Amino acid sequence: MPETLQGLTNVKPVSFEDTSIAFSSQSDFKLRKTYWLFALMNKGWLVNLGTFFIKIALRLHLPIKFLIKNTIFDQFCGGESIKDSEKTIQQLHNAHVGTILDYSVEGEENEKSFDETTLEILRTIERASESSDIPFSVFKITGIASTDLLEAVQIGDSLAKEQKAEFDRVLKRVDTLCRRAYERNVRIFIDAEESWIQDTIDTLAYEMMDRYNHERPVVYNTYQMYRWESLDHLRRDTEEARAKGYYLGAKLVRGAYLEKERLRAHEGEYQDPIQATKEATDHDFNAAIDYCLENRDTVSICLGTHNEYSCQYCLQQMKRLGITPNDSHIYFAQLLGMSDNISYNLANAGYNVAKYVPYGPVEAVMPYLFRRADENKSIAGQSSREFTLVCNELKRRKGCHK
C-alpha cells in the first residue's frame, strides 16, 4: 500500500536555489569545467556551429574523440559501457539519487542491431537487480524494431509474410525484456516516440502491463503531455487498468519531438497532435499529476521533467494529500548533467529521485548528444538557468574559501 501521513510533519520545503546541495558532488575543477561548457552552450549560434563541425569531423574520421569524451560526453553520459558508468552510479548513490541506465546507441535498423540492443538492455536489467542504486531500466521500441514496421502496424497495413514474422520477433523482444524485469523485480520504462508509431507502442506497453503488472508496477508507459489527447488517454488507461486488475505505470513528460511533429502534420495535412500553446501543455502536465496522485491505488508515476514549477506543484499536492516524500509510487527523474538543482535538492529532502544516465561508444551516442545540445538551446532559458546556478555556486565557494 502507498505510504501516507507517517512523518509528514517533518517534511521541509525544498528550495531549488540551494547550489551547495545541487553541486555537492562536483569538485572545483569539475564545476569550472561545467561552467565553461554551459557558457558555450548558452550561445545558440555556437552550438549550431560546433554541431556542424563535429559532424564533419566524425564523418572524416578526424581524431576528435578525446575532445568530445572529455567535454559534452563527460557532462551528459556515464561512460561507454555499464562498467564505465559505475563511478557515476556510485556518485549518484552517495547523494541518494538513483540511476536509470539508458543505452543510447542508435544503430542501424536491422535484425542484428535489434538483437544486440535487446541483449544490452537485458544487461541493464541484470545490473539493476543487483542493488537499489538503479530503480528503473528503460528502452525505446525503435531500438529493437523497425520504424517503418511500427508505422505499418499502426495504420493497419496488410503485412506481408516476412513483415508478420518480423513483428513476431518484435513482440518476442519486448516480452523478453519485460518478463526479465518482472523476474528480477526491476521496473522498466518504455519511452515515448513519434505520434505515427506511438499507438503501436502503447498497444505493446498495455499488453505487457496486463501480463506483468498485476502484483506490482513493473512496466511503465510514457505520456507526452504536449499532445492534446494525452490527458484523456491517461484517464482511459487508468480505468482499463483498474478494470483488469493491474497497476498502471506512467512516466509523465512534456515531449521531445515538437518541431518534427508539427512539420509532418503540416506536410501530411492532418490535425497537429501538439497542444496549441506551452501553457496548455503545462496545464495538462499538472492536471496529470493531480489525477495520478489521486488514483495512486492504481497508478504509479515518474515525473520526467526539468520544470521546477511542476516539481514544486507535485510536492505541494503530495503534502495536501498526506503522501510522504518517499512514497514508492512516486518518482522524479532528470537527465544526467542537467537540473542538478532539482535532482539533488529533492533527494536531500527525502524524495525518490533518479537520473537518466546514457551510455555507449562515443561515436554511437553522438546523435543523443546533439539532441541534448539542441534541447538546451531550444528550451527557453534552460542553458541560462544552468549557467546561472553554476555561477552562483562558484561565487559561493570562493566566499567559503576565504
Protein backbone atom coordinates (compact mmCIF):
# COMPACT_ATOMS: atom_id res chain seq x y z
CA MET A 1 0.00 0.00 0.00
CA PRO A 2 1.18 3.58 -0.60
CA GLU A 3 2.92 5.28 2.32
CA THR A 4 0.81 8.04 3.93
CA LEU A 5 0.93 10.56 6.76
CA GLN A 6 3.70 8.97 8.86
CA GLY A 7 6.48 11.50 9.27
CA LEU A 8 4.73 14.10 7.14
CA THR A 9 5.03 16.76 9.84
CA ASN A 10 8.80 16.64 9.29
CA VAL A 11 8.50 17.46 5.58
CA LYS A 12 10.50 20.60 4.82
CA PRO A 13 10.09 22.97 1.86
CA VAL A 14 12.50 22.20 -0.97
CA SER A 15 14.48 25.06 -2.47
CA PHE A 16 15.88 24.58 -5.97
CA GLU A 17 18.18 27.56 -5.36
CA ASP A 18 20.44 25.73 -2.89
CA THR A 19 23.54 25.25 -5.04
CA SER A 20 25.60 23.89 -2.14
CA ILE A 21 23.45 20.75 -2.31
CA ALA A 22 22.94 20.80 -6.08
CA PHE A 23 26.68 20.67 -6.83
CA SER A 24 27.90 18.90 -3.70
CA SER A 25 29.31 16.00 -5.73
CA GLN A 26 31.34 18.23 -8.06
CA SER A 27 34.93 19.23 -7.33
CA ASP A 28 36.03 22.80 -8.04
CA PHE A 29 37.72 21.59 -11.22
CA LYS A 30 34.61 19.74 -12.42
CA LEU A 31 32.40 22.74 -11.61
CA ARG A 32 34.62 25.13 -13.57
CA LYS A 33 34.50 22.70 -16.48
CA THR A 34 30.69 22.67 -16.26
CA TYR A 35 30.75 26.46 -16.16
CA TRP A 36 32.64 26.75 -19.44
CA LEU A 37 30.53 24.08 -21.14
CA PHE A 38 27.24 25.81 -20.32
CA ALA A 39 28.75 29.19 -21.15
CA LEU A 40 29.36 27.87 -24.65
CA MET A 41 26.01 26.08 -24.88
CA ASN A 42 24.31 29.31 -23.84
CA LYS A 43 25.20 30.73 -27.26
CA GLY A 44 22.83 29.21 -29.83
CA TRP A 45 24.93 30.14 -32.85
CA LEU A 46 27.97 28.47 -31.29
CA VAL A 47 26.01 25.27 -30.63
CA ASN A 48 24.93 25.19 -34.27
CA LEU A 49 28.47 25.82 -35.50
CA GLY A 50 30.03 23.28 -33.14
CA THR A 51 27.50 20.60 -34.05
CA PHE A 52 28.15 21.22 -37.75
CA PHE A 53 31.94 20.86 -37.44
CA ILE A 54 31.75 17.83 -35.11
CA LYS A 55 29.55 16.02 -37.63
CA ILE A 56 32.03 16.78 -40.40
CA ALA A 57 34.99 15.71 -38.24
CA LEU A 58 33.33 12.41 -37.37
CA ARG A 59 32.44 11.79 -41.00
CA LEU A 60 36.07 12.41 -42.00
CA HIS A 61 37.30 10.25 -39.09
CA LEU A 62 39.33 13.10 -37.63
CA PRO A 63 40.83 12.43 -34.15
CA ILE A 64 38.37 14.41 -32.02
CA LYS A 65 37.07 11.58 -29.82
CA PHE A 66 39.27 12.66 -26.89
CA LEU A 67 37.91 16.21 -27.04
CA ILE A 68 34.28 15.04 -27.19
CA LYS A 69 34.74 12.45 -24.46
CA ASN A 70 36.21 15.00 -22.05
CA THR A 71 33.61 17.71 -22.67
CA ILE A 72 30.00 17.12 -23.74
CA PHE A 73 30.19 13.31 -23.35
CA ASP A 74 31.58 13.63 -19.82
CA GLN A 75 28.79 16.06 -18.90
CA PHE A 76 25.83 14.08 -20.20
CA CYS A 77 26.93 10.40 -20.30
CA GLY A 78 28.04 7.85 -17.73
CA GLY A 79 30.60 6.11 -19.91
CA GLU A 80 30.98 3.86 -22.90
CA SER A 81 29.72 0.77 -21.07
CA ILE A 82 27.90 -0.24 -17.90
CA LYS A 83 31.27 -0.86 -16.27
CA ASP A 84 32.47 2.62 -17.25
CA SER A 85 29.29 4.06 -15.71
CA GLU A 86 29.87 2.54 -12.25
CA LYS A 87 31.68 5.65 -10.99
CA THR A 88 28.67 7.80 -11.93
CA ILE A 89 26.27 5.29 -10.37
CA GLN A 90 28.22 5.44 -7.11
CA GLN A 91 28.43 9.25 -7.11
CA LEU A 92 24.68 9.49 -7.56
CA HIS A 93 24.11 6.84 -4.89
CA ASN A 94 26.19 8.84 -2.42
CA ALA A 95 23.71 11.69 -2.88
CA HIS A 96 20.71 9.32 -2.57
CA VAL A 97 19.96 9.69 -6.28
CA GLY A 98 19.20 6.57 -8.30
CA THR A 99 20.47 5.73 -11.78
CA ILE A 100 18.50 4.80 -14.88
CA LEU A 101 20.98 3.20 -17.27
CA ASP A 102 19.99 4.35 -20.75
CA TYR A 103 21.72 2.53 -23.61
CA SER A 104 21.69 5.44 -26.04
CA VAL A 105 23.23 3.84 -29.11
CA GLU A 106 21.17 4.48 -32.24
CA GLY A 107 22.21 1.64 -34.50
CA GLU A 108 21.16 0.64 -37.96
CA GLU A 109 17.66 -0.71 -38.46
CA ASN A 110 18.42 -4.38 -38.97
CA GLU A 111 17.76 -7.60 -37.07
CA LYS A 112 21.35 -7.93 -35.89
CA SER A 113 21.29 -4.45 -34.36
CA PHE A 114 17.89 -5.07 -32.75
CA ASP A 115 19.09 -8.31 -31.16
CA GLU A 116 22.30 -6.70 -29.89
CA THR A 117 20.35 -3.84 -28.35
CA THR A 118 17.97 -6.30 -26.67
CA LEU A 119 20.92 -8.12 -25.11
CA GLU A 120 22.40 -4.86 -23.83
CA ILE A 121 19.11 -3.79 -22.25
CA LEU A 122 18.94 -7.20 -20.56
CA ARG A 123 22.35 -6.40 -19.07
CA THR A 124 20.98 -3.15 -17.64
CA ILE A 125 18.13 -5.11 -16.05
CA GLU A 126 20.58 -7.56 -14.52
CA ARG A 127 22.69 -4.71 -13.15
CA ALA A 128 19.57 -3.01 -11.77
CA SER A 129 18.57 -6.21 -9.98
CA GLU A 130 21.86 -6.28 -8.07
CA SER A 131 21.20 -3.22 -5.89
CA SER A 132 18.77 -0.42 -5.14
CA ASP A 133 21.08 2.06 -6.91
CA ILE A 134 19.19 1.53 -10.16
CA PRO A 135 15.41 1.72 -9.61
CA PHE A 136 14.45 1.55 -13.32
CA SER A 137 15.60 0.20 -16.65
CA VAL A 138 14.50 1.79 -19.92
CA PHE A 139 14.28 1.09 -23.63
CA LYS A 140 12.94 2.55 -26.85
CA ILE A 141 10.84 0.32 -29.08
CA THR A 142 12.68 1.75 -32.12
CA GLY A 143 15.89 0.37 -30.63
CA ILE A 144 14.52 -3.15 -31.15
CA ALA A 145 12.09 -2.68 -34.05
CA SER A 146 11.88 -1.04 -37.47
CA THR A 147 10.17 2.35 -37.50
CA ASP A 148 8.59 1.55 -40.88
CA LEU A 149 7.17 -1.70 -39.50
CA LEU A 150 5.74 0.02 -36.42
CA GLU A 151 4.09 2.63 -38.63
CA ALA A 152 2.67 -0.03 -40.98
CA VAL A 153 1.11 -1.80 -38.00
CA GLN A 154 -0.34 1.47 -36.69
CA ILE A 155 -2.06 2.47 -39.92
CA GLY A 156 -3.41 -1.05 -40.38
CA ASP A 157 -1.49 -2.04 -43.48
CA SER A 158 -1.83 -5.65 -44.55
CA LEU A 159 1.54 -7.14 -43.56
CA ALA A 160 3.42 -9.45 -45.87
CA LYS A 161 4.51 -12.83 -44.54
CA GLU A 162 8.03 -11.54 -43.88
CA GLN A 163 6.67 -8.49 -42.04
CA LYS A 164 4.44 -10.65 -39.85
CA ALA A 165 7.45 -12.76 -38.91
CA GLU A 166 9.43 -9.58 -38.23
CA PHE A 167 6.71 -8.19 -35.96
CA ASP A 168 6.51 -11.52 -34.12
CA ARG A 169 10.21 -11.07 -33.34
CA VAL A 170 9.48 -7.55 -32.06
CA LEU A 171 6.80 -8.94 -29.73
CA LYS A 172 9.23 -11.57 -28.50
CA ARG A 173 11.93 -8.97 -27.78
CA VAL A 174 9.53 -6.71 -25.88
CA ASP A 175 8.20 -9.64 -23.86
CA THR A 176 11.72 -10.88 -23.14
CA LEU A 177 12.68 -7.50 -21.66
CA CYS A 178 9.50 -7.04 -19.63
CA ARG A 179 9.47 -10.61 -18.40
CA ARG A 180 13.10 -10.34 -17.26
CA ALA A 181 12.28 -7.10 -15.46
CA TYR A 182 9.37 -8.84 -13.73
CA GLU A 183 11.52 -11.83 -12.77
CA ARG A 184 14.30 -9.60 -11.41
CA ASN A 185 11.88 -7.23 -9.62
CA VAL A 186 13.04 -4.24 -11.72
CA ARG A 187 10.73 -1.52 -13.04
CA ILE A 188 11.13 -0.73 -16.72
CA PHE A 189 10.20 2.33 -18.79
CA ILE A 190 9.04 2.12 -22.39
CA ASP A 191 9.94 5.52 -23.82
CA ALA A 192 7.52 7.57 -25.93
CA GLU A 193 8.26 8.30 -29.58
CA GLU A 194 6.63 9.97 -32.58
CA SER A 195 2.82 10.03 -32.90
CA TRP A 196 2.81 7.97 -36.11
CA ILE A 197 4.20 4.95 -34.22
CA GLN A 198 3.03 5.74 -30.67
CA ASP A 199 -0.26 3.84 -30.91
CA THR A 200 1.67 0.67 -31.72
CA ILE A 201 4.00 1.32 -28.79
CA ASP A 202 1.02 1.94 -26.48
CA THR A 203 -0.60 -1.33 -27.51
CA LEU A 204 2.60 -3.23 -26.73
CA ALA A 205 3.00 -1.43 -23.40
CA TYR A 206 -0.50 -2.22 -22.16
CA GLU A 207 -0.23 -5.83 -23.24
CA MET A 208 2.95 -6.08 -21.15
CA MET A 209 1.29 -4.36 -18.18
CA ASP A 210 -1.59 -6.83 -18.29
CA ARG A 211 0.96 -9.64 -18.19
CA TYR A 212 3.38 -8.34 -15.57
CA ASN A 213 1.79 -5.53 -13.51
CA HIS A 214 -0.84 -7.43 -11.53
CA GLU A 215 1.32 -7.82 -8.41
CA ARG A 216 3.25 -4.54 -8.59
CA PRO A 217 4.09 -1.83 -11.14
CA VAL A 218 6.81 -3.24 -13.41
CA VAL A 219 6.16 -1.85 -16.90
CA TYR A 220 5.71 1.92 -17.34
CA ASN A 221 4.42 3.61 -20.48
CA THR A 222 5.32 7.24 -21.25
CA TYR A 223 2.78 10.04 -21.67
CA GLN A 224 3.86 13.09 -23.67
CA MET A 225 1.72 15.88 -22.28
CA TYR A 226 2.45 18.22 -25.17
CA ARG A 227 -0.02 16.08 -27.11
CA TRP A 228 -3.55 17.34 -26.56
CA GLU A 229 -5.10 13.88 -26.21
CA SER A 230 -2.62 12.51 -23.63
CA LEU A 231 -4.55 13.50 -20.51
CA ASP A 232 -7.68 11.75 -21.77
CA HIS A 233 -5.58 8.70 -22.67
CA LEU A 234 -4.11 8.64 -19.16
CA ARG A 235 -7.60 8.63 -17.63
CA ARG A 236 -8.84 5.98 -20.05
CA ASP A 237 -5.81 3.76 -19.43
CA THR A 238 -6.17 4.07 -15.67
CA GLU A 239 -9.78 2.90 -15.80
CA GLU A 240 -8.81 -0.01 -18.04
CA ALA A 241 -6.01 -0.99 -15.66
CA ARG A 242 -8.40 -0.81 -12.72
CA ALA A 243 -10.98 -2.93 -14.54
CA LYS A 244 -8.39 -5.57 -15.44
CA GLY A 245 -6.75 -5.51 -12.02
CA TYR A 246 -3.23 -4.36 -12.84
CA TYR A 247 -1.11 -1.34 -11.92
CA LEU A 248 -0.66 1.39 -14.50
CA GLY A 249 2.94 2.58 -14.69
CA ALA A 250 3.02 6.14 -16.07
CA LYS A 251 6.04 8.28 -16.83
CA LEU A 252 4.94 11.86 -17.41
CA VAL A 253 7.00 14.03 -19.76
CA ARG A 254 6.26 17.14 -21.78
CA GLY A 255 7.65 15.81 -25.06
CA ALA A 256 10.67 15.82 -27.34
CA TYR A 257 9.51 15.84 -30.97
CA LEU A 258 7.61 19.12 -31.27
CA GLU A 259 9.18 20.50 -34.46
CA LYS A 260 9.15 17.12 -36.19
CA GLU A 261 5.50 16.51 -35.25
CA ARG A 262 4.32 19.91 -36.46
CA LEU A 263 6.24 19.71 -39.73
CA ARG A 264 4.87 16.27 -40.55
CA ALA A 265 1.31 17.30 -39.66
CA HIS A 266 1.63 20.33 -41.93
CA GLU A 267 3.08 18.33 -44.82
CA GLY A 268 0.58 15.50 -44.37
CA GLU A 269 -2.32 17.91 -43.95
CA TYR A 270 -3.67 16.23 -40.82
CA GLN A 271 -4.53 17.64 -37.39
CA ASP A 272 -1.49 18.71 -35.41
CA PRO A 273 -1.23 16.38 -32.38
CA ILE A 274 0.63 19.01 -30.37
CA GLN A 275 -1.02 21.41 -27.92
CA ALA A 276 -1.67 24.88 -29.32
CA THR A 277 0.35 26.59 -26.56
CA LYS A 278 3.00 25.77 -23.98
CA GLU A 279 0.53 26.93 -21.31
CA ALA A 280 -1.86 24.16 -22.41
CA THR A 281 0.96 21.62 -22.07
CA ASP A 282 1.84 22.91 -18.61
CA HIS A 283 -1.83 22.78 -17.57
CA ASP A 284 -2.23 19.16 -18.70
CA PHE A 285 1.06 18.10 -17.13
CA ASN A 286 -0.03 19.42 -13.74
CA ALA A 287 -3.55 18.03 -14.19
CA ALA A 288 -1.95 14.64 -14.87
CA ILE A 289 -0.02 14.95 -11.61
CA ASP A 290 -3.28 15.58 -9.75
CA TYR A 291 -5.00 12.66 -11.42
CA CYS A 292 -2.18 10.20 -10.76
CA LEU A 293 -1.76 11.19 -7.13
CA GLU A 294 -5.49 10.89 -6.51
CA ASN A 295 -5.51 7.44 -8.16
CA ARG A 296 -2.29 6.03 -6.82
CA ASP A 297 -4.08 2.89 -5.68
CA THR A 298 -3.84 2.03 -9.39
CA VAL A 299 -1.23 4.42 -10.85
CA SER A 300 2.49 4.66 -10.11
CA ILE A 301 4.19 7.67 -11.65
CA CYS A 302 7.57 9.08 -12.53
CA LEU A 303 7.79 12.77 -13.34
CA GLY A 304 10.40 13.04 -16.08
CA THR A 305 10.77 16.81 -16.05
CA HIS A 306 13.22 19.69 -15.75
CA ASN A 307 10.37 22.09 -14.98
CA GLU A 308 10.83 23.48 -11.48
CA TYR A 309 7.23 24.64 -11.12
CA SER A 310 5.80 21.20 -11.92
CA CYS A 311 8.11 19.58 -9.39
CA GLN A 312 7.10 22.08 -6.71
CA TYR A 313 3.46 21.62 -7.67
CA CYS A 314 3.76 17.86 -7.17
CA LEU A 315 5.37 18.38 -3.76
CA GLN A 316 2.52 20.66 -2.69
CA GLN A 317 -0.10 18.18 -3.87
CA MET A 318 1.65 15.29 -2.13
CA LYS A 319 1.63 17.25 1.12
CA ARG A 320 -2.03 18.23 0.64
CA LEU A 321 -2.99 14.56 0.16
CA GLY A 322 -0.86 13.37 3.07
CA ILE A 323 1.64 11.50 0.90
CA THR A 324 5.12 11.06 2.35
CA PRO A 325 8.16 12.09 0.27
CA ASN A 326 9.43 8.53 -0.04
CA ASP A 327 6.13 7.04 -1.27
CA SER A 328 7.23 4.18 -3.52
CA HIS A 329 4.60 5.04 -6.15
CA ILE A 330 6.12 8.45 -6.92
CA TYR A 331 9.49 9.20 -8.53
CA PHE A 332 11.16 12.23 -10.08
CA ALA A 333 13.71 11.91 -12.89
CA GLN A 334 16.06 14.23 -14.75
CA LEU A 335 18.84 13.77 -17.27
CA LEU A 336 22.45 13.42 -16.15
CA GLY A 337 24.26 16.74 -16.41
CA MET A 338 21.10 18.83 -16.26
CA SER A 339 18.92 20.28 -13.47
CA ASP A 340 21.09 19.04 -10.62
CA ASN A 341 19.43 21.75 -8.54
CA ILE A 342 16.18 19.79 -8.84
CA SER A 343 17.56 16.26 -8.51
CA TYR A 344 19.92 16.74 -5.59
CA ASN A 345 17.68 19.03 -3.56
CA LEU A 346 14.72 16.66 -3.95
CA ALA A 347 16.85 13.69 -2.94
CA ASN A 348 18.26 15.61 0.02
CA ALA A 349 14.68 16.22 1.18
CA GLY A 350 13.89 12.51 1.05
CA TYR A 351 12.02 12.25 -2.27
CA ASN A 352 12.59 9.39 -4.72
CA VAL A 353 14.84 10.70 -7.50
CA ALA A 354 16.75 9.11 -10.36
CA LYS A 355 18.96 10.38 -13.15
CA TYR A 356 18.86 9.09 -16.72
CA VAL A 357 22.46 8.02 -17.33
CA PRO A 358 23.06 7.49 -21.07
CA TYR A 359 25.98 5.31 -22.07
CA GLY A 360 27.51 3.77 -25.18
CA PRO A 361 30.50 4.21 -27.51
CA VAL A 362 31.23 7.90 -28.09
CA GLU A 363 30.60 7.85 -31.84
CA ALA A 364 27.34 5.92 -31.46
CA VAL A 365 26.00 8.22 -28.74
CA MET A 366 26.62 11.43 -30.72
CA PRO A 367 23.04 11.67 -32.09
CA TYR A 368 21.82 11.70 -28.47
CA LEU A 369 24.37 14.36 -27.52
CA PHE A 370 23.44 16.54 -30.47
CA ARG A 371 19.82 16.44 -29.29
CA ARG A 372 20.87 17.38 -25.75
CA ALA A 373 22.79 20.38 -27.03
CA ASP A 374 19.90 21.41 -29.24
CA GLU A 375 17.41 20.82 -26.43
CA ASN A 376 19.36 23.05 -24.06
CA LYS A 377 19.35 25.70 -26.75
CA SER A 378 15.66 25.37 -27.60
CA ILE A 379 14.17 25.07 -24.09
CA ALA A 380 13.52 28.66 -23.08
CA GLY A 381 16.17 29.70 -20.60
CA GLN A 382 17.47 26.16 -19.90
CA SER A 383 21.15 26.84 -20.61
CA SER A 384 20.90 30.27 -18.98
CA ARG A 385 19.37 28.71 -15.88
CA GLU A 386 22.05 26.02 -15.66
CA PHE A 387 24.80 28.60 -16.25
CA THR A 388 23.44 30.98 -13.59
CA LEU A 389 23.26 28.22 -10.98
CA VAL A 390 26.86 27.16 -11.66
CA CYS A 391 27.96 30.81 -11.43
CA ASN A 392 26.20 31.15 -8.08
CA GLU A 393 27.91 28.06 -6.71
CA LEU A 394 31.35 29.21 -7.90
CA LYS A 395 30.78 32.54 -6.16
CA ARG A 396 29.62 30.76 -3.01
CA ARG A 397 32.68 28.52 -2.97
CA LYS A 398 35.02 31.46 -3.42
CA GLY A 399 33.39 33.04 -0.39
CA CYS A 400 33.65 29.80 1.55
CA HIS A 401 37.37 29.52 0.80
CA LYS A 402 38.26 32.95 2.16
